Amino acid sequence: MEKEMNGKAASARPHSLALENRERAALTGINEVLAFDENQVILMTESGEIALTGENLHVTRLMLEEGQLTVEGRLDGIFYTQRQSRRGLFRRGGK
């Protein structure tokens, strides 16, 4: 059971990103998938929004209950912002 503390879940998971040869990115700490297509994947983490850009991008693994996501394709950019959560395509949790 999660407890709320200052508007954030007490069981927040740390975010990590592992990039392999610009062809595969494995991420943890993912709360929502905000948007994706073959040129970008936009995600929400506890630390803010992250965008992966490139070509022929495919989400090959998505386990939001565990906060995990894997993207494959040619990765050209990784960008972080401080934007707050907005309604995504896929969300972890029931809200």
PDB file of N, CA and C in Angstrom:
ATOM      1  N   MET A   1       0.839  -1.169   0.000  1.00  0.00           N
ATOM      2  CA  MET A   1       0.000   0.000   0.000  1.00  0.00           C
ATOM      3  C   MET A   1       0.893   1.245   0.000  1.00  0.00           C
ATOM      4  N   GLU A   2       0.615   2.194  -0.861  1.00  0.00           N
ATOM      5  CA  GLU A   2       1.404   3.418  -0.953  1.00  0.00           C
ATOM      6  C   GLU A   2       0.839   4.482  -0.032  1.00  0.00           C
ATOM      7  N   LYS A   3       1.723   5.225   0.599  1.00  0.00           N
ATOM      8  CA  LYS A   3       1.313   6.348   1.433  1.00  0.00           C
ATOM      9  C   LYS A   3       1.701   7.635   0.733  1.00  0.00           C
ATOM     10  N   GLU A   4       0.856   8.650   0.879  1.00  0.00           N
ATOM     11  CA  GLU A   4       1.132   9.957   0.291  1.00  0.00           C
ATOM     12  C   GLU A   4       1.932  10.822   1.254  1.00  0.00           C
ATOM     13  N   MET A   5       2.975  11.486   0.738  1.00  0.00           N
ATOM     14  CA  MET A   5       3.767  12.423   1.525  1.00  0.00           C
ATOM     15  C   MET A   5       4.030  13.642   0.657  1.00  0.00           C
ATOM     16  N   ASN A   6       3.467  14.776   1.042  1.00  0.00           N
ATOM     17  CA  ASN A   6       3.632  16.019   0.288  1.00  0.00           C
ATOM     18  C   ASN A   6       3.224  15.862  -1.174  1.00  0.00           C
ATOM     19  N   GLY A   7       2.165  15.102  -1.427  1.00  0.00           N
ATOM     20  CA  GLY A   7       1.658  14.962  -2.785  1.00  0.00           C
ATOM     21  C   GLY A   7       2.391  13.936  -3.625  1.00  0.00           C
ATOM     22  N   LYS A   8       3.439  13.286  -3.072  1.00  0.00           N
ATOM     23  CA  LYS A   8       4.176  12.271  -3.814  1.00  0.00           C
ATOM     24  C   LYS A   8       4.037  10.934  -3.111  1.00  0.00           C
ATOM     25  N   ALA A   9       4.059   9.872  -3.883  1.00  0.00           N
ATOM     26  CA  ALA A   9       3.957   8.544  -3.299  1.00  0.00           C
ATOM     27  C   ALA A   9       5.223   8.227  -2.516  1.00  0.00           C
ATOM     28  N   ALA A  10       5.043   7.654  -1.326  1.00  0.00           N
ATOM     29  CA  ALA A  10       6.180   7.323  -0.474  1.00  0.00           C
ATOM     30  C   ALA A  10       7.022   6.206  -1.063  1.00  0.00           C
ATOM     31  N   SER A  11       6.454   5.379  -1.940  1.00  0.00           N
ATOM     32  CA  SER A  11       7.180   4.265  -2.526  1.00  0.00           C
ATOM     33  C   SER A  11       7.764   4.615  -3.893  1.00  0.00           C
ATOM     34  N   ALA A  12       8.076   5.870  -4.126  1.00  0.00           N
ATOM     35  CA  ALA A  12       8.625   6.308  -5.411  1.00  0.00           C
ATOM     36  C   ALA A  12       9.901   5.541  -5.712  1.00  0.00           C
ATOM     37  N   ARG A  13      10.017   5.096  -6.947  1.00  0.00           N
ATOM     38  CA  ARG A  13      11.176   4.323  -7.369  1.00  0.00           C
ATOM     39  C   ARG A  13      12.218   5.240  -7.994  1.00  0.00           C
ATOM     40  N   PRO A  14      13.481   4.919  -7.789  1.00  0.00           N
ATOM     41  CA  PRO A  14      14.519   5.708  -8.446  1.00  0.00           C
ATOM     42  C   PRO A  14      14.491   5.473  -9.954  1.00  0.00           C
ATOM     43  N   HIS A  15      14.909   6.474 -10.689  1.00  0.00           N
ATOM     44  CA  HIS A  15      14.944   6.404 -12.148  1.00  0.00           C
ATOM     45  C   HIS A  15      16.353   6.052 -12.607  1.00  0.00           C
ATOM     46  N   SER A  16      16.450   5.166 -13.583  1.00  0.00           N
ATOM     47  CA  SER A  16      17.746   4.864 -14.186  1.00  0.00           C
ATOM     48  C   SER A  16      17.568   4.664 -15.680  1.00  0.00           C
ATOM     49  N   LEU A  17      18.653   4.867 -16.415  1.00  0.00           N
ATOM     50  CA  LEU A  17      18.650   4.694 -17.857  1.00  0.00           C
ATOM     51  C   LEU A  17      19.950   4.015 -18.244  1.00  0.00           C
ATOM     52  N   ALA A  18      19.852   2.906 -18.966  1.00  0.00           N
ATOM     53  CA  ALA A  18      21.028   2.203 -19.490  1.00  0.00           C
ATOM     54  C   ALA A  18      20.926   2.224 -21.007  1.00  0.00           C
ATOM     55  N   LEU A  19      21.940   2.773 -21.656  1.00  0.00           N
ATOM     56  CA  LEU A  19      21.962   2.901 -23.108  1.00  0.00           C
ATOM     57  C   LEU A  19      23.029   1.978 -23.669  1.00  0.00           C
ATOM     58  N   GLU A  20      22.653   1.139 -24.630  1.00  0.00           N
ATOM     59  CA  GLU A  20      23.580   0.204 -25.251  1.00  0.00           C
ATOM     60  C   GLU A  20      23.751   0.549 -26.730  1.00  0.00           C
ATOM     61  N   ASN A  21      24.956   1.000 -27.091  1.00  0.00           N
ATOM     62  CA  ASN A  21      25.319   1.256 -28.494  1.00  0.00           C
ATOM     63  C   ASN A  21      24.332   2.125 -29.259  1.00  0.00           C
ATOM     64  N   ARG A  22      23.656   3.028 -28.576  1.00  0.00           N
ATOM     65  CA  ARG A  22      22.653   3.900 -29.203  1.00  0.00           C
ATOM     66  C   ARG A  22      21.562   3.121 -29.915  1.00  0.00           C
ATOM     67  N   GLU A  23      21.404   1.838 -29.573  1.00  0.00           N
ATOM     68  CA  GLU A  23      20.410   0.985 -30.220  1.00  0.00           C
ATOM     69  C   GLU A  23      19.357   0.458 -29.262  1.00  0.00           C
ATOM     70  N   ARG A  24      19.628   0.537 -27.960  1.00  0.00           N
ATOM     71  CA  ARG A  24      18.706  -0.010 -26.967  1.00  0.00           C
ATOM     72  C   ARG A  24      18.822   0.806 -25.687  1.00  0.00           C
ATOM     73  N   ALA A  25      17.683   1.233 -25.161  1.00  0.00           N
ATOM     74  CA  ALA A  25      17.644   1.966 -23.896  1.00  0.00           C
ATOM     75  C   ALA A  25      16.705   1.227 -22.955  1.00  0.00           C
ATOM     76  N   ALA A  26      17.202   0.897 -21.760  1.00  0.00           N
ATOM     77  CA  ALA A  26      16.387   0.268 -20.723  1.00  0.00           C
ATOM     78  C   ALA A  26      16.224   1.283 -19.606  1.00  0.00           C
ATOM     79  N   LEU A  27      14.980   1.598 -19.255  1.00  0.00           N
ATOM     80  CA  LEU A  27      14.694   2.605 -18.245  1.00  0.00           C
ATOM     81  C   LEU A  27      13.901   2.002 -17.096  1.00  0.00           C
ATOM     82  N   THR A  28      14.126   2.545 -15.894  1.00  0.00           N
ATOM     83  CA  THR A  28      13.327   2.191 -14.728  1.00  0.00           C
ATOM     84  C   THR A  28      12.809   3.478 -14.107  1.00  0.00           C
ATOM     85  N   GLY A  29      11.854   3.349 -13.215  1.00  0.00           N
ATOM     86  CA  GLY A  29      11.272   4.517 -12.563  1.00  0.00           C
ATOM     87  C   GLY A  29      10.279   5.249 -13.442  1.00  0.00           C
ATOM     88  N   ILE A  30       9.711   4.558 -14.411  1.00  0.00           N
ATOM     89  CA  ILE A  30       8.754   5.164 -15.343  1.00  0.00           C
ATOM     90  C   ILE A  30       7.353   5.129 -14.728  1.00  0.00           C
ATOM     91  N   ASN A  31       6.679   6.280 -14.717  1.00  0.00           N
ATOM     92  CA  ASN A  31       5.310   6.373 -14.205  1.00  0.00           C
ATOM     93  C   ASN A  31       4.267   6.319 -15.313  1.00  0.00           C
ATOM     94  N   GLU A  32       4.571   6.959 -16.454  1.00  0.00           N
ATOM     95  CA  GLU A  32       3.605   7.049 -17.549  1.00  0.00           C
ATOM     96  C   GLU A  32       4.325   7.077 -18.885  1.00  0.00           C
ATOM     97  N   VAL A  33       3.648   6.580 -19.916  1.00  0.00           N
ATOM     98  CA  VAL A  33       4.079   6.779 -21.290  1.00  0.00           C
ATOM     99  C   VAL A  33       3.166   7.874 -21.831  1.00  0.00           C
ATOM    100  N   LEU A  34       3.742   9.042 -22.115  1.00  0.00           N
ATOM    101  CA  LEU A  34       2.935  10.179 -22.559  1.00  0.00           C
ATOM    102  C   LEU A  34       2.649  10.127 -24.050  1.00  0.00           C
ATOM    103  N   ALA A  35       3.625   9.692 -24.847  1.00  0.00           N
ATOM    104  CA  ALA A  35       3.445   9.603 -26.299  1.00  0.00           C
ATOM    105  C   ALA A  35       4.582   8.777 -26.879  1.00  0.00           C
ATOM    106  N   PHE A  36       4.323   8.158 -28.012  1.00  0.00           N
ATOM    107  CA  PHE A  36       5.409   7.485 -28.714  1.00  0.00           C
ATOM    108  C   PHE A  36       5.055   7.305 -30.178  1.00  0.00           C
ATOM    109  N   ASP A  37       6.077   7.331 -31.006  1.00  0.00           N
ATOM    110  CA  ASP A  37       5.996   6.976 -32.409  1.00  0.00           C
ATOM    111  C   ASP A  37       7.391   6.530 -32.824  1.00  0.00           C
ATOM    112  N   GLU A  38       7.632   6.355 -34.108  1.00  0.00           N
ATOM    113  CA  GLU A  38       8.930   5.828 -34.536  1.00  0.00           C
ATOM    114  C   GLU A  38      10.079   6.829 -34.392  1.00  0.00           C
ATOM    115  N   ASN A  39       9.780   8.097 -34.078  1.00  0.00           N
ATOM    116  CA  ASN A  39      10.820   9.109 -33.931  1.00  0.00           C
ATOM    117  C   ASN A  39      11.018   9.620 -32.510  1.00  0.00           C
ATOM    118  N   GLN A  40      10.091   9.315 -31.596  1.00  0.00           N
ATOM    119  CA  GLN A  40      10.258   9.767 -30.217  1.00  0.00           C
ATOM    120  C   GLN A  40       9.405   8.950 -29.257  1.00  0.00           C
ATOM    121  N   VAL A  41       9.887   8.865 -28.033  1.00  0.00           N
ATOM    122  CA  VAL A  41       9.147   8.242 -26.941  1.00  0.00           C
ATOM    123  C   VAL A  41       9.224   9.235 -25.788  1.00  0.00           C
ATOM    124  N   ILE A  42       8.069   9.660 -25.284  1.00  0.00           N
ATOM    125  CA  ILE A  42       8.026  10.646 -24.199  1.00  0.00           C
ATOM    126  C   ILE A  42       7.437   9.964 -22.972  1.00  0.00           C
ATOM    127  N   LEU A  43       8.187  10.056 -21.867  1.00  0.00           N
ATOM    128  CA  LEU A  43       7.848   9.345 -20.640  1.00  0.00           C
ATOM    129  C   LEU A  43       7.827  10.293 -19.461  1.00  0.00           C
ATOM    130  N   MET A  44       7.129   9.885 -18.392  1.00  0.00           N
ATOM    131  CA  MET A  44       7.140  10.640 -17.147  1.00  0.00           C
ATOM    132  C   MET A  44       7.793   9.780 -16.079  1.00  0.00           C
ATOM    133  N   THR A  45       8.753  10.383 -15.355  1.00  0.00           N
ATOM    134  CA  THR A  45       9.413   9.728 -14.232  1.00  0.00           C
ATOM    135  C   THR A  45       9.151  10.558 -12.983  1.00  0.00           C
ATOM    136  N   GLU A  46       9.586  10.076 -11.843  1.00  0.00           N
ATOM    137  CA  GLU A  46       9.481  10.847 -10.606  1.00  0.00           C
ATOM    138  C   GLU A  46      10.287  12.142 -10.713  1.00  0.00           C
ATOM    139  N   SER A  47      11.325  12.148 -11.549  1.00  0.00           N
ATOM    140  CA  SER A  47      12.205  13.306 -11.698  1.00  0.00           C
ATOM    141  C   SER A  47      11.757  14.267 -12.789  1.00  0.00           C
ATOM    142  N   GLY A  48      10.675  13.969 -13.482  1.00  0.00           N
ATOM    143  CA  GLY A  48      10.194  14.816 -14.559  1.00  0.00           C
ATOM    144  C   GLY A  48      10.049  14.045 -15.855  1.00  0.00           C
ATOM    145  N   GLU A  49       9.832  14.784 -16.916  1.00  0.00           N
ATOM    146  CA  GLU A  49       9.597  14.205 -18.228  1.00  0.00           C
ATOM    147  C   GLU A  49      10.911  13.892 -18.918  1.00  0.00           C
ATOM    148  N   ILE A  50      10.948  12.784 -19.664  1.00  0.00           N
ATOM    149  CA  ILE A  50      12.111  12.414 -20.462  1.00  0.00           C
ATOM    150  C   ILE A  50      11.631  12.090 -21.873  1.00  0.00           C
ATOM    151  N   ALA A  51      12.385  12.560 -22.869  1.00  0.00           N
ATOM    152  CA  ALA A  51      12.071  12.273 -24.266  1.00  0.00           C
ATOM    153  C   ALA A  51      13.270  11.574 -24.890  1.00  0.00           C
ATOM    154  N   LEU A  52      13.014  10.456 -25.533  1.00  0.00           N
ATOM    155  CA  LEU A  52      14.026   9.742 -26.305  1.00  0.00           C
ATOM    156  C   LEU A  52      13.703   9.998 -27.767  1.00  0.00           C
ATOM    157  N   THR A  53      14.683  10.438 -28.533  1.00  0.00           N
ATOM    158  CA  THR A  53      14.452  10.718 -29.947  1.00  0.00           C
ATOM    159  C   THR A  53      15.384   9.868 -30.802  1.00  0.00           C
ATOM    160  N   GLY A  54      14.962   9.625 -32.039  1.00  0.00           N
ATOM    161  CA  GLY A  54      15.767   8.835 -32.949  1.00  0.00           C
ATOM    162  C   GLY A  54      14.959   8.393 -34.150  1.00  0.00           C
ATOM    163  N   GLU A  55      15.334   7.233 -34.677  1.00  0.00           N
ATOM    164  CA  GLU A  55      14.670   6.681 -35.863  1.00  0.00           C
ATOM    165  C   GLU A  55      14.318   5.224 -35.611  1.00  0.00           C
ATOM    166  N   ASN A  56      13.195   4.802 -36.173  1.00  0.00           N
ATOM    167  CA  ASN A  56      12.735   3.414 -36.057  1.00  0.00           C
ATOM    168  C   ASN A  56      12.661   2.949 -34.603  1.00  0.00           C
ATOM    169  N   LEU A  57      12.163   3.813 -33.735  1.00  0.00           N
ATOM    170  CA  LEU A  57      12.061   3.483 -32.321  1.00  0.00           C
ATOM    171  C   LEU A  57      10.847   2.583 -32.080  1.00  0.00           C
ATOM    172  N   HIS A  58      11.061   1.569 -31.259  1.00  0.00           N
ATOM    173  CA  HIS A  58      10.008   0.626 -30.907  1.00  0.00           C
ATOM    174  C   HIS A  58      10.085   0.334 -29.418  1.00  0.00           C
ATOM    175  N   VAL A  59       8.951   0.379 -28.742  1.00  0.00           N
ATOM    176  CA  VAL A  59       8.891  -0.033 -27.346  1.00  0.00           C
ATOM    177  C   VAL A  59       8.813  -1.553 -27.369  1.00  0.00           C
ATOM    178  N   THR A  60       9.880  -2.210 -26.894  1.00  0.00           N
ATOM    179  CA  THR A  60       9.930  -3.668 -26.944  1.00  0.00           C
ATOM    180  C   THR A  60       9.558  -4.311 -25.617  1.00  0.00           C
ATOM    181  N   ARG A  61       9.573  -3.515 -24.549  1.00  0.00           N
ATOM    182  CA  ARG A  61       9.176  -4.025 -23.240  1.00  0.00           C
ATOM    183  C   ARG A  61       8.529  -2.883 -22.460  1.00  0.00           C
ATOM    184  N   LEU A  62       7.356  -3.150 -21.905  1.00  0.00           N
ATOM    185  CA  LEU A  62       6.655  -2.152 -21.108  1.00  0.00           C
ATOM    186  C   LEU A  62       6.014  -2.855 -19.919  1.00  0.00           C
ATOM    187  N   MET A  63       6.510  -2.544 -18.721  1.00  0.00           N
ATOM    188  CA  MET A  63       5.980  -3.117 -17.487  1.00  0.00           C
ATOM    189  C   MET A  63       5.790  -1.965 -16.506  1.00  0.00           C
ATOM    190  N   LEU A  64       4.681  -1.251 -16.644  1.00  0.00           N
ATOM    191  CA  LEU A  64       4.456  -0.055 -15.834  1.00  0.00           C
ATOM    192  C   LEU A  64       4.274  -0.356 -14.357  1.00  0.00           C
ATOM    193  N   GLU A  65       3.736  -1.503 -14.012  1.00  0.00           N
ATOM    194  CA  GLU A  65       3.607  -1.847 -12.594  1.00  0.00           C
ATOM    195  C   GLU A  65       4.971  -1.880 -11.917  1.00  0.00           C
ATOM    196  N   GLU A  66       6.005  -2.275 -12.666  1.00  0.00           N
ATOM    197  CA  GLU A  66       7.367  -2.292 -12.152  1.00  0.00           C
ATOM    198  C   GLU A  66       8.137  -1.027 -12.541  1.00  0.00           C
ATOM    199  N   GLY A  67       7.519  -0.181 -13.371  1.00  0.00           N
ATOM    200  CA  GLY A  67       8.170   1.058 -13.806  1.00  0.00           C
ATOM    201  C   GLY A  67       9.272   0.839 -14.817  1.00  0.00           C
ATOM    202  N   GLN A  68       9.185  -0.221 -15.632  1.00  0.00           N
ATOM    203  CA  GLN A  68      10.245  -0.566 -16.573  1.00  0.00           C
ATOM    204  C   GLN A  68       9.791  -0.413 -18.019  1.00  0.00           C
ATOM    205  N   LEU A  69      10.734   0.024 -18.858  1.00  0.00           N
ATOM    206  CA  LEU A  69      10.466   0.198 -20.276  1.00  0.00           C
ATOM    207  C   LEU A  69      11.768  -0.002 -21.048  1.00  0.00           C
ATOM    208  N   THR A  70      11.679  -0.658 -22.193  1.00  0.00           N
ATOM    209  CA  THR A  70      12.829  -0.821 -23.084  1.00  0.00           C
ATOM    210  C   THR A  70      12.442  -0.314 -24.466  1.00  0.00           C
ATOM    211  N   VAL A  71      13.336   0.481 -25.056  1.00  0.00           N
ATOM    212  CA  VAL A  71      13.140   1.034 -26.392  1.00  0.00           C
ATOM    213  C   VAL A  71      14.305   0.575 -27.261  1.00  0.00           C
ATOM    214  N   GLU A  72      13.998   0.152 -28.494  1.00  0.00           N
ATOM    215  CA  GLU A  72      15.035  -0.232 -29.438  1.00  0.00           C
ATOM    216  C   GLU A  72      14.871   0.566 -30.718  1.00  0.00           C
ATOM    217  N   GLY A  73      15.965   0.794 -31.411  1.00  0.00           N
ATOM    218  CA  GLY A  73      16.016   1.572 -32.644  1.00  0.00           C
ATOM    219  C   GLY A  73      17.294   2.394 -32.628  1.00  0.00           C
ATOM    220  N   ARG A  74      17.378   3.409 -33.472  1.00  0.00           N
ATOM    221  CA  ARG A  74      18.549   4.293 -33.466  1.00  0.00           C
ATOM    222  C   ARG A  74      18.245   5.494 -32.583  1.00  0.00           C
ATOM    223  N   LEU A  75      18.888   5.554 -31.424  1.00  0.00           N
ATOM    224  CA  LEU A  75      18.664   6.633 -30.467  1.00  0.00           C
ATOM    225  C   LEU A  75      19.627   7.772 -30.729  1.00  0.00           C
ATOM    226  N   ASP A  76      19.081   8.973 -30.941  1.00  0.00           N
ATOM    227  CA  ASP A  76      19.889  10.156 -31.236  1.00  0.00           C
ATOM    228  C   ASP A  76      19.900  11.175 -30.107  1.00  0.00           C
ATOM    229  N   GLY A  77      18.900  11.149 -29.224  1.00  0.00           N
ATOM    230  CA  GLY A  77      18.843  12.158 -28.174  1.00  0.00           C
ATOM    231  C   GLY A  77      18.072  11.697 -26.963  1.00  0.00           C
ATOM    232  N   ILE A  78      18.493  12.221 -25.824  1.00  0.00           N
ATOM    233  CA  ILE A  78      17.810  11.982 -24.553  1.00  0.00           C
ATOM    234  C   ILE A  78      17.668  13.342 -23.888  1.00  0.00           C
ATOM    235  N   PHE A  79      16.433  13.753 -23.629  1.00  0.00           N
ATOM    236  CA  PHE A  79      16.172  15.083 -23.091  1.00  0.00           C
ATOM    237  C   PHE A  79      15.297  14.982 -21.853  1.00  0.00           C
ATOM    238  N   TYR A  80      15.670  15.711 -20.811  1.00  0.00           N
ATOM    239  CA  TYR A  80      14.885  15.787 -19.583  1.00  0.00           C
ATOM    240  C   TYR A  80      14.283  17.176 -19.458  1.00  0.00           C
ATOM    241  N   THR A  81      13.048  17.227 -18.907  1.00  0.00           N
ATOM    242  CA  THR A  81      12.421  18.505 -18.576  1.00  0.00           C
ATOM    243  C   THR A  81      11.860  18.398 -17.168  1.00  0.00           C
ATOM    244  N   GLN A  82      11.418  19.502 -16.633  1.00  0.00           N
ATOM    245  CA  GLN A  82      10.825  19.523 -15.292  1.00  0.00           C
ATOM    246  C   GLN A  82       9.307  19.607 -15.355  1.00  0.00           C
ATOM    247  N   ARG A  83       8.711  19.381 -16.498  1.00  0.00           N
ATOM    248  CA  ARG A  83       7.261  19.454 -16.629  1.00  0.00           C
ATOM    249  C   ARG A  83       6.585  18.474 -15.691  1.00  0.00           C
ATOM    250  N   GLN A  84       5.426  18.864 -15.192  1.00  0.00           N
ATOM    251  CA  GLN A  84       4.648  18.016 -14.304  1.00  0.00           C
ATOM    252  C   GLN A  84       3.862  17.001 -15.121  1.00  0.00           C
ATOM    253  N   SER A  85       3.413  15.976 -14.441  1.00  0.00           N
ATOM    254  CA  SER A  85       2.679  14.887 -15.076  1.00  0.00           C
ATOM    255  C   SER A  85       1.427  15.394 -15.791  1.00  0.00           C
ATOM    256  N   ARG A  86       1.186  14.849 -16.948  1.00  0.00           N
ATOM    257  CA  ARG A  86      -0.064  15.094 -17.670  1.00  0.00           C
ATOM    258  C   ARG A  86      -0.631  13.732 -18.041  1.00  0.00           C
ATOM    259  N   ARG A  87      -1.821  13.700 -18.498  1.00  0.00           N
ATOM    260  CA  ARG A  87      -2.464  12.421 -18.801  1.00  0.00           C
ATOM    261  C   ARG A  87      -1.721  11.722 -19.923  1.00  0.00           C
ATOM    262  N   GLY A  88      -1.301  10.500 -19.680  1.00  0.00           N
ATOM    263  CA  GLY A  88      -0.522   9.741 -20.650  1.00  0.00           C
ATOM    264  C   GLY A  88      -1.310   8.651 -21.332  1.00  0.00           C
ATOM    265  N   LEU A  89      -0.648   7.965 -22.256  1.00  0.00           N
ATOM    266  CA  LEU A  89      -1.268   6.854 -22.956  1.00  0.00           C
ATOM    267  C   LEU A  89      -1.365   5.643 -22.048  1.00  0.00           C
ATOM    268  N   PHE A  90      -0.297   5.407 -21.292  1.00  0.00           N
ATOM    269  CA  PHE A  90      -0.251   4.287 -20.362  1.00  0.00           C
ATOM    270  C   PHE A  90       0.272   4.833 -19.048  1.00  0.00           C
ATOM    271  N   ARG A  91      -0.395   4.471 -17.947  1.00  0.00           N
ATOM    272  CA  ARG A  91      -0.004   4.976 -16.637  1.00  0.00           C
ATOM    273  C   ARG A  91       0.114   3.830 -15.664  1.00  0.00           C
ATOM    274  N   ARG A  92       1.045   3.970 -14.728  1.00  0.00           N
ATOM    275  CA  ARG A  92       1.173   3.022 -13.631  1.00  0.00           C
ATOM    276  C   ARG A  92       0.179   3.433 -12.563  1.00  0.00           C
ATOM    277  N   GLY A  93      -0.508   2.503 -11.953  1.00  0.00           N
ATOM    278  CA  GLY A  93      -1.433   2.837 -10.879  1.00  0.00           C
ATOM    279  C   GLY A  93      -2.852   3.015 -11.380  1.00  0.00           C
ATOM    280  N   GLY A  94      -3.742   3.338 -10.450  1.00  0.00           N
ATOM    281  CA  GLY A  94      -5.150   3.392 -10.801  1.00  0.00           C
ATOM    282  C   GLY A  94      -5.709   4.771 -11.064  1.00  0.00           C
ATOM    283  N   LYS A  95      -4.917   5.841 -10.915  1.00  0.00           N
ATOM    284  CA  LYS A  95      -5.465   7.196 -11.099  1.00  0.00           C
ATOM    285  C   LYS A  95      -5.147   7.759 -12.445  1.00  0.00           C
TER     286      LYS A  95
END
